[in-house]
Amino acid sequence: MFFLKKLIAYFILPPGLLVIAFVLLGILTKRKFAKLIAFSFALFVYLLSIEPIKDVLYKPLEEAYPVPSKPEGDAIVILGGGAYNTGILKEDSTKRLLTGFVLHKQTDLPIILSGGASIGTLPEAEIMRGLLLTLGVNKSKIHTDVNSKDTEENAQEVKKLCERLRCKKIILVSSAYHMRRALLSFQKAGLEVVPYPTDFKRDMKYNLYSLLPKMGVFADSYKALREYLGLVWYSF
């Protein structure tokens, strides 16, 4: 009964509902080309919504750099990963910030927070700064970049802060899937970087529920595909 309830829920809510809708459209339509498009969309949405395919997408991104056991640098740089206009950090930002906070507690290195208001009105760096102060980090250890709106600008603005703070080598904290692009940008800016990935998205342990479509998995697949597009863009 429990599995049946879960199964029904997964297919009466998106993205399962979209899969059903496209399948029905493919069955009901008489044109062969329309059938092909409908079934293709159903398969596309379904595959992006299940955990094994999501993990396949993330594998090349997340395995690019291991987590260093004893990172060394002059400062910890934490990249923002999104925030709501209500002043609440999104999931990626929260995980990055917590990782950077733990690193700070272990090393006592200064923290550089990078992230402006790319879409909303509140700079991510200021939101993160407020949380670090609440957690007890000395305000003299926190430095912020509130102007950058993307990864390339993160690197440029952090470079300016590093020159002022006389930091030559940074420990870069970002989501594992984002680290390749981040590292490219920061190295291009002329900084020596120690990558410290966090916020890993892969499960790598599956059961029957792993094959049911989920909106959270679909959203993660979208992030992975967007990251591949970003890497293509940054390669030019």
Protein backbone atom coordinates (compact mmCIF):
# COMPACT_ATOMS: atom_id res chain seq x y z
CA MET A 1 0.00 0.00 0.00
CA PHE A 2 2.83 2.39 0.88
CA PHE A 3 4.54 1.83 -2.48
CA LEU A 4 1.23 2.26 -4.30
CA LYS A 5 0.64 5.63 -2.61
CA LYS A 6 4.14 6.75 -3.55
CA LEU A 7 3.69 5.56 -7.13
CA ILE A 8 0.43 7.46 -7.54
CA ALA A 9 1.93 10.60 -6.00
CA TYR A 10 4.94 10.52 -8.32
CA PHE A 11 2.73 10.35 -11.42
CA ILE A 12 0.02 12.86 -10.50
CA LEU A 13 2.62 15.53 -9.74
CA PRO A 14 5.26 16.99 -12.07
CA PRO A 15 7.44 15.77 -13.63
CA GLY A 16 5.61 12.40 -13.63
CA LEU A 17 2.43 14.17 -14.72
CA LEU A 18 4.26 15.57 -17.74
CA VAL A 19 5.51 12.11 -18.66
CA ILE A 20 1.96 10.75 -18.55
CA ALA A 21 0.64 13.73 -20.54
CA PHE A 22 3.21 13.29 -23.32
CA VAL A 23 2.59 9.53 -23.46
CA LEU A 24 -1.17 10.07 -23.76
CA LEU A 25 -0.60 12.69 -26.44
CA GLY A 26 1.55 10.22 -28.36
CA ILE A 27 -1.12 7.52 -28.09
CA LEU A 28 -4.01 9.78 -29.11
CA THR A 29 -2.40 11.62 -31.99
CA LYS A 30 -2.52 10.03 -35.44
CA ARG A 31 0.41 11.77 -37.09
CA LYS A 32 3.62 9.75 -36.95
CA PHE A 33 5.86 12.78 -36.51
CA ALA A 34 3.70 14.11 -33.67
CA LYS A 35 3.81 10.66 -32.03
CA LEU A 36 7.60 10.65 -32.28
CA ILE A 37 7.88 14.12 -30.72
CA ALA A 38 5.44 13.30 -27.91
CA PHE A 39 7.10 9.99 -26.97
CA SER A 40 10.54 11.59 -27.24
CA PHE A 41 9.55 14.35 -24.84
CA ALA A 42 8.06 11.79 -22.45
CA LEU A 43 11.31 9.81 -22.48
CA PHE A 44 13.42 12.97 -22.14
CA VAL A 45 11.51 14.25 -19.11
CA TYR A 46 11.46 10.81 -17.49
CA LEU A 47 15.20 10.20 -17.90
CA LEU A 48 16.13 13.60 -16.47
CA SER A 49 13.86 12.90 -13.50
CA ILE A 50 15.41 9.64 -12.28
CA GLU A 51 18.47 9.33 -10.07
CA PRO A 52 20.71 7.04 -12.18
CA ILE A 53 20.61 9.40 -15.18
CA LYS A 54 21.12 12.44 -12.95
CA ASP A 55 24.19 10.76 -11.50
CA VAL A 56 25.55 9.99 -14.97
CA LEU A 57 25.28 13.69 -15.82
CA TYR A 58 27.10 14.73 -12.63
CA LYS A 59 29.85 12.10 -12.72
CA PRO A 60 32.33 13.95 -15.02
CA LEU A 61 31.69 17.23 -13.19
CA GLU A 62 32.00 15.96 -9.64
CA GLU A 63 34.98 13.67 -10.17
CA ALA A 64 37.18 16.39 -11.64
CA TYR A 65 38.68 17.37 -8.28
CA PRO A 66 38.90 15.42 -4.99
CA VAL A 67 38.38 17.04 -1.60
CA PRO A 68 41.88 17.84 -0.26
CA SER A 69 42.65 16.40 3.18
CA LYS A 70 44.87 19.29 4.30
CA PRO A 71 44.23 22.34 2.11
CA GLU A 72 46.69 25.20 2.41
CA GLY A 73 46.21 28.78 1.34
CA ASP A 74 46.08 32.41 2.41
CA ALA A 75 42.28 32.75 2.38
CA ILE A 76 39.07 30.77 1.95
CA VAL A 77 36.89 31.95 -0.95
CA ILE A 78 33.23 30.91 -0.84
CA LEU A 79 31.16 31.41 -3.99
CA GLY A 80 27.47 32.21 -3.68
CA GLY A 81 25.05 29.75 -5.24
CA GLY A 82 21.80 31.67 -5.07
CA ALA A 83 19.57 33.40 -2.53
CA TYR A 84 15.92 34.36 -2.22
CA ASN A 85 14.80 37.97 -1.98
CA THR A 86 13.62 37.14 1.53
CA GLY A 87 17.25 36.93 2.63
CA ILE A 88 17.37 33.13 2.78
CA LEU A 89 20.19 31.28 1.05
CA LYS A 90 19.35 28.58 -1.47
CA GLU A 91 20.55 25.01 -0.98
CA ASP A 92 23.83 25.29 -2.90
CA SER A 93 24.83 28.50 -1.12
CA THR A 94 24.04 27.03 2.28
CA LYS A 95 26.19 23.95 1.72
CA ARG A 96 29.07 26.02 0.38
CA LEU A 97 28.88 28.40 3.33
CA LEU A 98 28.83 25.61 5.91
CA THR A 99 31.83 23.96 4.27
CA GLY A 100 33.73 27.24 4.27
CA PHE A 101 32.77 27.85 7.91
CA VAL A 102 34.15 24.44 8.95
CA LEU A 103 37.37 25.14 7.01
CA HIS A 104 37.68 28.48 8.80
CA LYS A 105 37.28 26.80 12.17
CA GLN A 106 40.03 24.34 11.24
CA THR A 107 42.48 26.87 9.77
CA ASP A 108 41.52 30.31 11.14
CA LEU A 109 42.07 31.69 7.63
CA PRO A 110 40.21 34.83 6.52
CA ILE A 111 37.04 34.29 4.49
CA ILE A 112 36.18 36.01 1.21
CA LEU A 113 32.50 35.81 0.31
CA SER A 114 31.75 36.39 -3.37
CA GLY A 115 28.29 37.02 -4.77
CA GLY A 116 26.24 40.05 -5.72
CA ALA A 117 22.55 40.36 -6.54
CA SER A 118 22.52 38.65 -9.94
CA ILE A 119 18.73 38.34 -10.09
CA GLY A 120 17.30 39.54 -6.77
CA THR A 121 17.96 42.68 -4.78
CA LEU A 122 20.03 41.33 -1.87
CA PRO A 123 23.74 40.56 -2.44
CA GLU A 124 24.43 36.93 -1.57
CA ALA A 125 27.71 37.86 0.08
CA GLU A 126 25.93 40.08 2.61
CA ILE A 127 23.46 37.34 3.48
CA MET A 128 26.32 34.88 3.98
CA ARG A 129 28.22 37.42 6.05
CA GLY A 130 25.26 37.83 8.39
CA LEU A 131 25.08 34.08 8.92
CA LEU A 132 28.80 33.80 9.64
CA LEU A 133 28.56 36.58 12.21
CA THR A 134 25.67 34.72 13.85
CA LEU A 135 27.86 31.61 13.95
CA GLY A 136 30.51 33.56 15.82
CA VAL A 137 33.06 34.35 13.11
CA ASN A 138 35.03 37.51 13.90
CA LYS A 139 33.95 40.28 11.53
CA SER A 140 37.60 41.19 10.90
CA LYS A 141 38.00 37.76 9.27
CA ILE A 142 35.18 38.30 6.76
CA HIS A 143 35.59 40.15 3.46
CA THR A 144 32.87 40.54 0.85
CA ASP A 145 32.46 41.02 -2.86
CA VAL A 146 28.92 42.25 -3.49
CA ASN A 147 29.40 43.31 -7.12
CA SER A 148 29.87 40.08 -9.07
CA LYS A 149 26.95 38.55 -10.94
CA ASP A 150 28.50 35.40 -12.43
CA THR A 151 31.51 33.12 -12.02
CA GLU A 152 33.77 35.17 -14.27
CA GLU A 153 33.00 38.33 -12.29
CA ASN A 154 33.48 36.37 -9.03
CA ALA A 155 37.05 35.71 -10.09
CA GLN A 156 37.73 39.30 -11.13
CA GLU A 157 36.33 40.82 -7.94
CA VAL A 158 38.05 38.26 -5.68
CA LYS A 159 41.34 39.03 -7.47
CA LYS A 160 40.98 42.69 -6.43
CA LEU A 161 40.28 41.70 -2.82
CA CYS A 162 43.24 39.32 -2.80
CA GLU A 163 45.56 42.06 -4.02
CA ARG A 164 44.37 44.31 -1.18
CA LEU A 165 44.66 41.53 1.39
CA ARG A 166 47.96 40.25 -0.07
CA CYS A 167 46.58 36.78 -0.65
CA LYS A 168 48.45 34.81 -3.28
CA LYS A 169 46.88 31.39 -2.82
CA ILE A 170 43.20 30.72 -2.14
CA ILE A 171 41.14 27.72 -1.10
CA LEU A 172 38.13 27.87 -3.40
CA VAL A 173 34.87 26.48 -2.02
CA SER A 174 32.04 25.79 -4.44
CA SER A 175 29.67 23.00 -5.44
CA ALA A 176 31.52 20.03 -6.94
CA TYR A 177 29.58 20.30 -10.21
CA HIS A 178 30.59 23.98 -10.52
CA MET A 179 34.28 23.59 -9.64
CA ARG A 180 35.65 23.04 -13.15
CA ARG A 181 34.19 26.29 -14.45
CA ALA A 182 35.08 28.16 -11.28
CA LEU A 183 38.68 26.98 -11.42
CA LEU A 184 38.99 28.04 -15.07
CA SER A 185 37.76 31.53 -14.21
CA PHE A 186 40.00 32.01 -11.17
CA GLN A 187 43.10 30.69 -12.89
CA LYS A 188 42.37 32.96 -15.83
CA ALA A 189 42.24 35.86 -13.36
CA GLY A 190 45.78 34.96 -12.27
CA LEU A 191 45.10 33.37 -8.89
CA GLU A 192 46.71 30.25 -7.46
CA VAL A 193 43.80 28.03 -6.49
CA VAL A 194 43.27 24.99 -4.29
CA PRO A 195 39.84 23.56 -5.27
CA TYR A 196 37.69 22.44 -2.34
CA PRO A 197 34.49 20.93 -3.76
CA THR A 198 31.34 20.42 -1.70
CA ASP A 199 27.59 19.97 -2.26
CA PHE A 200 27.88 16.65 -4.10
CA LYS A 201 24.64 15.71 -5.86
CA ARG A 202 25.14 12.02 -6.70
CA ASP A 203 23.45 9.22 -4.75
CA MET A 204 25.13 6.18 -6.34
CA LYS A 205 22.91 3.80 -4.35
CA TYR A 206 19.65 2.88 -6.00
CA ASN A 207 16.42 1.03 -5.35
CA LEU A 208 13.02 0.88 -7.03
CA TYR A 209 12.19 4.42 -5.91
CA SER A 210 15.28 5.67 -7.77
CA LEU A 211 13.47 4.89 -11.04
CA LEU A 212 10.43 7.02 -10.20
CA PRO A 213 10.41 10.58 -11.59
CA LYS A 214 11.05 13.32 -9.02
CA MET A 215 11.03 17.09 -9.38
CA GLY A 216 14.12 17.48 -7.18
CA VAL A 217 16.07 15.12 -9.43
CA PHE A 218 14.79 16.95 -12.53
CA ALA A 219 16.01 20.25 -11.02
CA ASP A 220 19.44 18.75 -10.32
CA SER A 221 19.66 17.42 -13.89
CA TYR A 222 18.86 20.92 -15.12
CA LYS A 223 21.77 22.30 -13.06
CA ALA A 224 24.13 19.75 -14.58
CA LEU A 225 23.04 20.53 -18.16
CA ARG A 226 23.33 24.27 -17.46
CA GLU A 227 26.85 23.69 -16.16
CA TYR A 228 27.86 21.91 -19.36
CA LEU A 229 26.55 24.88 -21.34
CA GLY A 230 28.55 27.19 -19.09
CA LEU A 231 31.72 25.19 -19.74
CA VAL A 232 31.15 25.45 -23.48
CA TRP A 233 30.64 29.21 -23.16
CA TYR A 234 33.76 29.65 -21.01
CA SER A 235 35.87 27.66 -23.49
CA PHE A 236 35.62 30.46 -26.08
